[in-house]
């Protein structure tokens, strides 16, 4: 085959193919995807064909028609990141911490708020070991934008829940039990500075009540200099252990 034939075939291969029959729509979508990939390498592909044609012609002329030896270009390698195992060490922005046995990262979501930045994660025991009435049955960690009561930021209005609707009661196990406004409302009942991980955390506690009369005491630890907030709704035995493992590093 001549060099002209090789170039013609390469250009023809780059042209979109029109599918036929009942699978036309799917074929068009696949063709569009293939064309997008091909456009990115079109010039390189044509140049490679021309170079290959010239090289082949030269080798045939010198070696009396024998094809050139193939060269092994190697196999590309990929790098994967292993997930944090239950009971392992977790990095979240400027803070790292130990996960207790049976605990893991349950979910991680962006938390844009009003300033366009932020991230939140939930660390908790495995599903089935906690009440289903709370979004995070362990600790919620926020960084960047720090959410407070209802739709406010934590700096504007400290709070343990951003809900603007009825919140199911996380304790007591009473059907249709919901959180109600107690005597203190959303105002904290205790505030003090506590050392955590070599930093001073602004600790806050609330007294929450349910329509059944059940009560619970959500807590929060604010690290203002690194913009990290930890919120606990349920009184977890592991919380003290987790906080004791906190280490802060520069991002």
C-alpha atoms as a PDB file:
ATOM      1  CA  UNK A   1       0.000   0.000   0.000  1.00  0.00           C
ATOM      2  CA  UNK A   2       1.368   3.423  -0.929  1.00  0.00           C
ATOM      3  CA  UNK A   3       1.900   6.365   1.435  1.00  0.00           C
ATOM      4  CA  UNK A   4      -1.081   8.096  -0.179  1.00  0.00           C
ATOM      5  CA  UNK A   5      -3.284   5.098   0.573  1.00  0.00           C
ATOM      6  CA  UNK A   6      -2.160   5.047   4.211  1.00  0.00           C
ATOM      7  CA  UNK A   7      -2.956   8.740   4.693  1.00  0.00           C
ATOM      8  CA  UNK A   8      -6.336   8.370   2.944  1.00  0.00           C
ATOM      9  CA  UNK A   9      -7.280   5.468   5.230  1.00  0.00           C
ATOM     10  CA  UNK A  10      -6.250   7.402   8.347  1.00  0.00           C
ATOM     11  CA  UNK A  11      -8.361  10.418   7.380  1.00  0.00           C
ATOM     12  CA  UNK A  12     -11.315   8.207   6.541  1.00  0.00           C
ATOM     13  CA  UNK A  13     -11.102   6.587   9.954  1.00  0.00           C
ATOM     14  CA  UNK A  14     -11.379  10.024  11.603  1.00  0.00           C
ATOM     15  CA  UNK A  15     -14.621  10.847   9.778  1.00  0.00           C
ATOM     16  CA  UNK A  16     -17.899  10.263  11.730  1.00  0.00           C
ATOM     17  CA  UNK A  17     -19.853   7.179  10.775  1.00  0.00           C
ATOM     18  CA  UNK A  18     -23.644   7.398  10.460  1.00  0.00           C
ATOM     19  CA  UNK A  19     -25.303   4.411  12.159  1.00  0.00           C
ATOM     20  CA  UNK A  20     -28.258   2.662  10.593  1.00  0.00           C
ATOM     21  CA  UNK A  21     -31.259   0.707  11.794  1.00  0.00           C
ATOM     22  CA  UNK A  22     -33.046   0.843  15.137  1.00  0.00           C
ATOM     23  CA  UNK A  23     -29.833   1.653  17.010  1.00  0.00           C
ATOM     24  CA  UNK A  24     -29.270   4.958  15.200  1.00  0.00           C
ATOM     25  CA  UNK A  25     -29.636   7.212  18.218  1.00  0.00           C
ATOM     26  CA  UNK A  26     -27.269   5.157  20.347  1.00  0.00           C
ATOM     27  CA  UNK A  27     -24.849   4.980  17.451  1.00  0.00           C
ATOM     28  CA  UNK A  28     -24.878   8.751  17.025  1.00  0.00           C
ATOM     29  CA  UNK A  29     -24.073   9.233  20.695  1.00  0.00           C
ATOM     30  CA  UNK A  30     -21.216   6.773  20.493  1.00  0.00           C
ATOM     31  CA  UNK A  31     -19.958   8.444  17.328  1.00  0.00           C
ATOM     32  CA  UNK A  32     -20.002  11.861  19.004  1.00  0.00           C
ATOM     33  CA  UNK A  33     -17.976  10.473  21.915  1.00  0.00           C
ATOM     34  CA  UNK A  34     -15.503   8.834  19.552  1.00  0.00           C
ATOM     35  CA  UNK A  35     -15.173  12.029  17.502  1.00  0.00           C
ATOM     36  CA  UNK A  36     -14.395  14.053  20.612  1.00  0.00           C
ATOM     37  CA  UNK A  37     -11.634  11.648  21.531  1.00  0.00           C
ATOM     38  CA  UNK A  38     -10.337  11.569  17.960  1.00  0.00           C
ATOM     39  CA  UNK A  39     -10.214  15.368  17.626  1.00  0.00           C
ATOM     40  CA  UNK A  40      -7.835  15.515  20.571  1.00  0.00           C
ATOM     41  CA  UNK A  41      -5.370  13.223  18.814  1.00  0.00           C
ATOM     42  CA  UNK A  42      -6.183  13.818  15.157  1.00  0.00           C
ATOM     43  CA  UNK A  43      -3.070  15.768  14.274  1.00  0.00           C
ATOM     44  CA  UNK A  44      -0.850  13.409  16.203  1.00  0.00           C
ATOM     45  CA  UNK A  45      -2.491  10.402  14.547  1.00  0.00           C
ATOM     46  CA  UNK A  46      -2.035  11.686  11.000  1.00  0.00           C
ATOM     47  CA  UNK A  47       1.571  12.635  11.677  1.00  0.00           C
ATOM     48  CA  UNK A  48       2.207   9.199  13.113  1.00  0.00           C
ATOM     49  CA  UNK A  49       0.778   7.540  10.014  1.00  0.00           C
ATOM     50  CA  UNK A  50       3.011   9.621   7.730  1.00  0.00           C
ATOM     51  CA  UNK A  51       6.092   8.857   9.795  1.00  0.00           C
ATOM     52  CA  UNK A  52       5.231   5.172   9.918  1.00  0.00           C
ATOM     53  CA  UNK A  53       4.765   5.082   6.163  1.00  0.00           C
ATOM     54  CA  UNK A  54       8.107   6.747   5.497  1.00  0.00           C
ATOM     55  CA  UNK A  55       9.901   4.518   8.006  1.00  0.00           C
ATOM     56  CA  UNK A  56       8.328   1.393   6.544  1.00  0.00           C
ATOM     57  CA  UNK A  57       9.311   2.349   3.019  1.00  0.00           C
ATOM     58  CA  UNK A  58      12.911   3.001   4.112  1.00  0.00           C
ATOM     59  CA  UNK A  59      13.238  -0.296   5.959  1.00  0.00           C
ATOM     60  CA  UNK A  60      11.789  -2.271   3.066  1.00  0.00           C
ATOM     61  CA  UNK A  61      14.224  -0.618   0.684  1.00  0.00           C
ATOM     62  CA  UNK A  62      17.234  -1.353   2.909  1.00  0.00           C
ATOM     63  CA  UNK A  63      16.287  -4.791   4.253  1.00  0.00           C
ATOM     64  CA  UNK A  64      14.922  -6.201   1.053  1.00  0.00           C
ATOM     65  CA  UNK A  65      11.262  -6.263   2.087  1.00  0.00           C
ATOM     66  CA  UNK A  66      11.531  -7.422   5.718  1.00  0.00           C
ATOM     67  CA  UNK A  67       9.187  -5.621   8.171  1.00  0.00           C
ATOM     68  CA  UNK A  68      10.794  -3.668  11.070  1.00  0.00           C
ATOM     69  CA  UNK A  69      10.929  -5.127  14.582  1.00  0.00           C
ATOM     70  CA  UNK A  70       8.117  -4.098  16.929  1.00  0.00           C
ATOM     71  CA  UNK A  71       9.050  -1.971  19.944  1.00  0.00           C
ATOM     72  CA  UNK A  72       7.489  -2.531  23.369  1.00  0.00           C
ATOM     73  CA  UNK A  73       6.322   0.871  24.672  1.00  0.00           C
ATOM     74  CA  UNK A  74       5.431  -0.516  28.103  1.00  0.00           C
ATOM     75  CA  UNK A  75       2.182  -0.634  30.075  1.00  0.00           C
ATOM     76  CA  UNK A  76       0.830   2.585  31.677  1.00  0.00           C
ATOM     77  CA  UNK A  77       0.504   2.504  35.437  1.00  0.00           C
ATOM     78  CA  UNK A  78      -2.248   3.998  37.611  1.00  0.00           C
ATOM     79  CA  UNK A  79      -2.246   5.145  41.217  1.00  0.00           C
ATOM     80  CA  UNK A  80      -5.219   4.522  43.486  1.00  0.00           C
ATOM     81  CA  UNK A  81      -6.028   5.961  46.893  1.00  0.00           C
ATOM     82  CA  UNK A  82      -7.113   3.449  49.498  1.00  0.00           C
ATOM     83  CA  UNK A  83     -10.190   4.452  51.560  1.00  0.00           C
ATOM     84  CA  UNK A  84      -9.747   4.992  55.269  1.00  0.00           C
ATOM     85  CA  UNK A  85     -10.516   1.728  57.029  1.00  0.00           C
ATOM     86  CA  UNK A  86     -12.737   1.671  60.136  1.00  0.00           C
ATOM     87  CA  UNK A  87     -10.515   2.388  63.099  1.00  0.00           C
ATOM     88  CA  UNK A  88      -7.914   4.127  60.897  1.00  0.00           C
ATOM     89  CA  UNK A  89      -6.659   7.720  60.876  1.00  0.00           C
ATOM     90  CA  UNK A  90      -8.627  10.325  58.934  1.00  0.00           C
ATOM     91  CA  UNK A  91      -7.398  13.631  57.510  1.00  0.00           C
ATOM     92  CA  UNK A  92      -9.950  16.432  57.200  1.00  0.00           C
ATOM     93  CA  UNK A  93      -8.448  19.719  56.095  1.00  0.00           C
ATOM     94  CA  UNK A  94      -6.028  20.896  58.794  1.00  0.00           C
ATOM     95  CA  UNK A  95      -7.042  18.259  61.346  1.00  0.00           C
ATOM     96  CA  UNK A  96      -6.334  14.529  61.545  1.00  0.00           C
ATOM     97  CA  UNK A  97      -8.011  12.134  63.953  1.00  0.00           C
ATOM     98  CA  UNK A  98      -8.331   8.481  64.868  1.00  0.00           C
ATOM     99  CA  UNK A  99     -11.547   6.649  64.023  1.00  0.00           C
ATOM    100  CA  UNK A 100     -12.682   4.342  66.839  1.00  0.00           C
ATOM    101  CA  UNK A 101     -13.162   0.647  66.124  1.00  0.00           C
ATOM    102  CA  UNK A 102     -16.328   0.191  64.080  1.00  0.00           C
ATOM    103  CA  UNK A 103     -16.468   3.864  63.031  1.00  0.00           C
ATOM    104  CA  UNK A 104     -15.954   5.122  59.487  1.00  0.00           C
ATOM    105  CA  UNK A 105     -16.619   8.119  57.257  1.00  0.00           C
ATOM    106  CA  UNK A 106     -20.322   7.789  56.424  1.00  0.00           C
ATOM    107  CA  UNK A 107     -20.576  10.613  53.892  1.00  0.00           C
ATOM    108  CA  UNK A 108     -18.781  13.757  52.721  1.00  0.00           C
ATOM    109  CA  UNK A 109     -20.523  16.713  51.068  1.00  0.00           C
ATOM    110  CA  UNK A 110     -19.604  20.226  49.899  1.00  0.00           C
ATOM    111  CA  UNK A 111     -21.042  22.905  52.177  1.00  0.00           C
ATOM    112  CA  UNK A 112     -20.901  26.105  50.169  1.00  0.00           C
ATOM    113  CA  UNK A 113     -22.940  28.365  52.459  1.00  0.00           C
ATOM    114  CA  UNK A 114     -22.739  32.047  51.636  1.00  0.00           C
ATOM    115  CA  UNK A 115     -19.000  32.427  51.038  1.00  0.00           C
ATOM    116  CA  UNK A 116     -18.695  29.742  48.353  1.00  0.00           C
ATOM    117  CA  UNK A 117     -16.396  27.368  50.215  1.00  0.00           C
ATOM    118  CA  UNK A 118     -16.689  24.564  52.683  1.00  0.00           C
ATOM    119  CA  UNK A 119     -16.924  20.831  53.234  1.00  0.00           C
ATOM    120  CA  UNK A 120     -18.673  18.593  55.761  1.00  0.00           C
ATOM    121  CA  UNK A 121     -18.200  14.950  56.726  1.00  0.00           C
ATOM    122  CA  UNK A 122     -19.971  12.558  59.049  1.00  0.00           C
ATOM    123  CA  UNK A 123     -18.047   9.966  61.044  1.00  0.00           C
ATOM    124  CA  UNK A 124     -20.166   7.421  62.872  1.00  0.00           C
ATOM    125  CA  UNK A 125     -20.611   3.745  63.695  1.00  0.00           C
ATOM    126  CA  UNK A 126     -21.828   1.371  60.982  1.00  0.00           C
ATOM    127  CA  UNK A 127     -25.419   1.715  59.785  1.00  0.00           C
ATOM    128  CA  UNK A 128     -27.899  -0.176  61.903  1.00  0.00           C
ATOM    129  CA  UNK A 129     -26.161   0.674  65.170  1.00  0.00           C
ATOM    130  CA  UNK A 130     -27.675   4.175  65.430  1.00  0.00           C
ATOM    131  CA  UNK A 131     -31.161   5.720  65.304  1.00  0.00           C
ATOM    132  CA  UNK A 132     -32.368   6.502  61.798  1.00  0.00           C
ATOM    133  CA  UNK A 133     -33.901   9.803  62.924  1.00  0.00           C
ATOM    134  CA  UNK A 134     -30.585  11.682  62.766  1.00  0.00           C
ATOM    135  CA  UNK A 135     -28.604  12.433  59.617  1.00  0.00           C
ATOM    136  CA  UNK A 136     -25.301  11.792  61.386  1.00  0.00           C
ATOM    137  CA  UNK A 137     -25.331   9.531  64.442  1.00  0.00           C
ATOM    138  CA  UNK A 138     -21.723  10.347  65.323  1.00  0.00           C
ATOM    139  CA  UNK A 139     -19.794  13.572  64.767  1.00  0.00           C
ATOM    140  CA  UNK A 140     -20.258  16.112  61.978  1.00  0.00           C
ATOM    141  CA  UNK A 141     -17.085  17.971  61.013  1.00  0.00           C
ATOM    142  CA  UNK A 142     -17.283  21.204  59.029  1.00  0.00           C
ATOM    143  CA  UNK A 143     -14.519  23.357  57.580  1.00  0.00           C
ATOM    144  CA  UNK A 144     -14.490  26.553  55.558  1.00  0.00           C
ATOM    145  CA  UNK A 145     -18.107  27.643  55.766  1.00  0.00           C
ATOM    146  CA  UNK A 146     -19.404  26.767  59.253  1.00  0.00           C
ATOM    147  CA  UNK A 147     -23.192  26.220  59.459  1.00  0.00           C
ATOM    148  CA  UNK A 148     -25.147  27.457  62.484  1.00  0.00           C
ATOM    149  CA  UNK A 149     -28.802  27.586  63.520  1.00  0.00           C
ATOM    150  CA  UNK A 150     -31.287  27.232  60.660  1.00  0.00           C
ATOM    151  CA  UNK A 151     -29.854  29.017  57.597  1.00  0.00           C
ATOM    152  CA  UNK A 152     -27.340  31.176  59.453  1.00  0.00           C
ATOM    153  CA  UNK A 153     -23.603  30.710  59.710  1.00  0.00           C
ATOM    154  CA  UNK A 154     -22.204  29.552  63.028  1.00  0.00           C
ATOM    155  CA  UNK A 155     -20.567  32.926  63.595  1.00  0.00           C
ATOM    156  CA  UNK A 156     -23.911  34.692  63.093  1.00  0.00           C
ATOM    157  CA  UNK A 157     -26.037  32.296  65.142  1.00  0.00           C
ATOM    158  CA  UNK A 158     -24.438  29.273  66.802  1.00  0.00           C
ATOM    159  CA  UNK A 159     -26.636  26.197  66.702  1.00  0.00           C
ATOM    160  CA  UNK A 160     -26.572  22.410  66.442  1.00  0.00           C
ATOM    161  CA  UNK A 161     -29.189  22.063  63.661  1.00  0.00           C
ATOM    162  CA  UNK A 162     -29.827  23.937  60.429  1.00  0.00           C
ATOM    163  CA  UNK A 163     -33.297  22.428  59.999  1.00  0.00           C
ATOM    164  CA  UNK A 164     -36.105  24.877  59.252  1.00  0.00           C
ATOM    165  CA  UNK A 165     -38.814  22.197  59.481  1.00  0.00           C
ATOM    166  CA  UNK A 166     -39.875  19.553  62.022  1.00  0.00           C
ATOM    167  CA  UNK A 167     -36.954  17.469  63.328  1.00  0.00           C
ATOM    168  CA  UNK A 168     -37.579  13.871  64.514  1.00  0.00           C
ATOM    169  CA  UNK A 169     -36.515  13.258  68.093  1.00  0.00           C
ATOM    170  CA  UNK A 170     -33.260  11.254  68.089  1.00  0.00           C
ATOM    171  CA  UNK A 171     -33.810   9.724  71.543  1.00  0.00           C
ATOM    172  CA  UNK A 172     -36.545   7.830  73.371  1.00  0.00           C
ATOM    173  CA  UNK A 173     -37.837   5.739  70.462  1.00  0.00           C
ATOM    174  CA  UNK A 174     -41.370   7.239  70.575  1.00  0.00           C
ATOM    175  CA  UNK A 175     -43.232   7.132  67.247  1.00  0.00           C
ATOM    176  CA  UNK A 176     -43.840  10.572  65.684  1.00  0.00           C
ATOM    177  CA  UNK A 177     -41.862  12.270  68.462  1.00  0.00           C
ATOM    178  CA  UNK A 178     -40.339  15.575  67.326  1.00  0.00           C
ATOM    179  CA  UNK A 179     -37.972  18.214  68.667  1.00  0.00           C
ATOM    180  CA  UNK A 180     -39.787  21.189  70.186  1.00  0.00           C
ATOM    181  CA  UNK A 181     -38.676  24.588  71.427  1.00  0.00           C
ATOM    182  CA  UNK A 182     -37.714  24.280  75.073  1.00  0.00           C
ATOM    183  CA  UNK A 183     -37.373  26.979  77.708  1.00  0.00           C
ATOM    184  CA  UNK A 184     -33.931  27.954  76.386  1.00  0.00           C
ATOM    185  CA  UNK A 185     -34.960  27.983  72.711  1.00  0.00           C
ATOM    186  CA  UNK A 186     -31.851  27.719  70.534  1.00  0.00           C
ATOM    187  CA  UNK A 187     -29.696  29.587  73.045  1.00  0.00           C
ATOM    188  CA  UNK A 188     -26.735  27.666  74.542  1.00  0.00           C
ATOM    189  CA  UNK A 189     -26.898  26.519  78.162  1.00  0.00           C
ATOM    190  CA  UNK A 190     -23.130  26.179  78.662  1.00  0.00           C
ATOM    191  CA  UNK A 191     -20.077  27.756  77.025  1.00  0.00           C
ATOM    192  CA  UNK A 192     -16.394  27.553  77.851  1.00  0.00           C
ATOM    193  CA  UNK A 193     -12.937  27.212  76.321  1.00  0.00           C
ATOM    194  CA  UNK A 194     -11.489  23.686  76.292  1.00  0.00           C
ATOM    195  CA  UNK A 195      -8.052  22.522  75.088  1.00  0.00           C
ATOM    196  CA  UNK A 196      -8.239  20.079  72.168  1.00  0.00           C
ATOM    197  CA  UNK A 197      -5.288  18.919  70.062  1.00  0.00           C
ATOM    198  CA  UNK A 198      -3.021  21.724  71.247  1.00  0.00           C
ATOM    199  CA  UNK A 199      -5.626  24.400  70.438  1.00  0.00           C
ATOM    200  CA  UNK A 200      -8.306  26.192  72.433  1.00  0.00           C
ATOM    201  CA  UNK A 201     -11.755  25.065  71.315  1.00  0.00           C
ATOM    202  CA  UNK A 202     -14.860  27.143  72.005  1.00  0.00           C
ATOM    203  CA  UNK A 203     -17.142  24.481  73.486  1.00  0.00           C
ATOM    204  CA  UNK A 204     -20.929  25.023  73.487  1.00  0.00           C
ATOM    205  CA  UNK A 205     -23.808  22.870  74.757  1.00  0.00           C
ATOM    206  CA  UNK A 206     -27.560  23.129  74.186  1.00  0.00           C
ATOM    207  CA  UNK A 207     -30.564  21.604  75.989  1.00  0.00           C
ATOM    208  CA  UNK A 208     -32.881  20.108  73.366  1.00  0.00           C
ATOM    209  CA  UNK A 209     -36.365  18.782  74.130  1.00  0.00           C
ATOM    210  CA  UNK A 210     -38.867  16.530  72.359  1.00  0.00           C
ATOM    211  CA  UNK A 211     -42.676  16.532  72.386  1.00  0.00           C
ATOM    212  CA  UNK A 212     -42.629  13.329  74.456  1.00  0.00           C
ATOM    213  CA  UNK A 213     -40.625  15.034  77.173  1.00  0.00           C
ATOM    214  CA  UNK A 214     -37.363  13.291  76.256  1.00  0.00           C
ATOM    215  CA  UNK A 215     -34.264  15.460  76.194  1.00  0.00           C
ATOM    216  CA  UNK A 216     -30.727  15.428  74.824  1.00  0.00           C
ATOM    217  CA  UNK A 217     -27.724  17.750  74.915  1.00  0.00           C
ATOM    218  CA  UNK A 218     -26.054  18.545  71.562  1.00  0.00           C
ATOM    219  CA  UNK A 219     -22.495  19.913  71.762  1.00  0.00           C
ATOM    220  CA  UNK A 220     -20.095  21.754  69.453  1.00  0.00           C
ATOM    221  CA  UNK A 221     -16.369  22.514  69.411  1.00  0.00           C
ATOM    222  CA  UNK A 222     -15.276  25.534  67.351  1.00  0.00           C
ATOM    223  CA  UNK A 223     -11.667  26.115  66.254  1.00  0.00           C
ATOM    224  CA  UNK A 224     -11.940  29.670  64.857  1.00  0.00           C
ATOM    225  CA  UNK A 225      -8.317  30.108  63.745  1.00  0.00           C
ATOM    226  CA  UNK A 226      -8.498  27.116  61.357  1.00  0.00           C
ATOM    227  CA  UNK A 227     -12.258  27.382  60.673  1.00  0.00           C
ATOM    228  CA  UNK A 228     -13.160  23.885  61.815  1.00  0.00           C
ATOM    229  CA  UNK A 229     -16.383  23.012  63.661  1.00  0.00           C
ATOM    230  CA  UNK A 230     -17.298  19.682  65.294  1.00  0.00           C
ATOM    231  CA  UNK A 231     -20.954  19.001  66.171  1.00  0.00           C
ATOM    232  CA  UNK A 232     -22.331  16.077  68.181  1.00  0.00           C
ATOM    233  CA  UNK A 233     -26.085  15.514  68.544  1.00  0.00           C
ATOM    234  CA  UNK A 234     -26.002  12.278  70.517  1.00  0.00           C
ATOM    235  CA  UNK A 235     -23.919  11.732  73.628  1.00  0.00           C
ATOM    236  CA  UNK A 236     -21.362   9.277  72.224  1.00  0.00           C
ATOM    237  CA  UNK A 237     -18.946   7.472  74.528  1.00  0.00           C
ATOM    238  CA  UNK A 238     -16.267   7.655  71.819  1.00  0.00           C
ATOM    239  CA  UNK A 239     -16.314  11.457  71.468  1.00  0.00           C
ATOM    240  CA  UNK A 240     -13.731  12.102  74.171  1.00  0.00           C
ATOM    241  CA  UNK A 241     -11.419   9.500  72.601  1.00  0.00           C
ATOM    242  CA  UNK A 242     -11.790  11.093  69.140  1.00  0.00           C
ATOM    243  CA  UNK A 243     -11.090  14.624  70.401  1.00  0.00           C
ATOM    244  CA  UNK A 244      -8.038  13.394  72.306  1.00  0.00           C
ATOM    245  CA  UNK A 245      -6.594  12.127  69.002  1.00  0.00           C
ATOM    246  CA  UNK A 246      -6.877  15.502  67.218  1.00  0.00           C
ATOM    247  CA  UNK A 247      -3.719  16.814  65.588  1.00  0.00           C
ATOM    248  CA  UNK A 248      -3.586  20.059  63.579  1.00  0.00           C
ATOM    249  CA  UNK A 249      -1.260  20.744  60.670  1.00  0.00           C
ATOM    250  CA  UNK A 250      -0.854  23.577  58.199  1.00  0.00           C
ATOM    251  CA  UNK A 251      -2.692  22.920  54.919  1.00  0.00           C
END
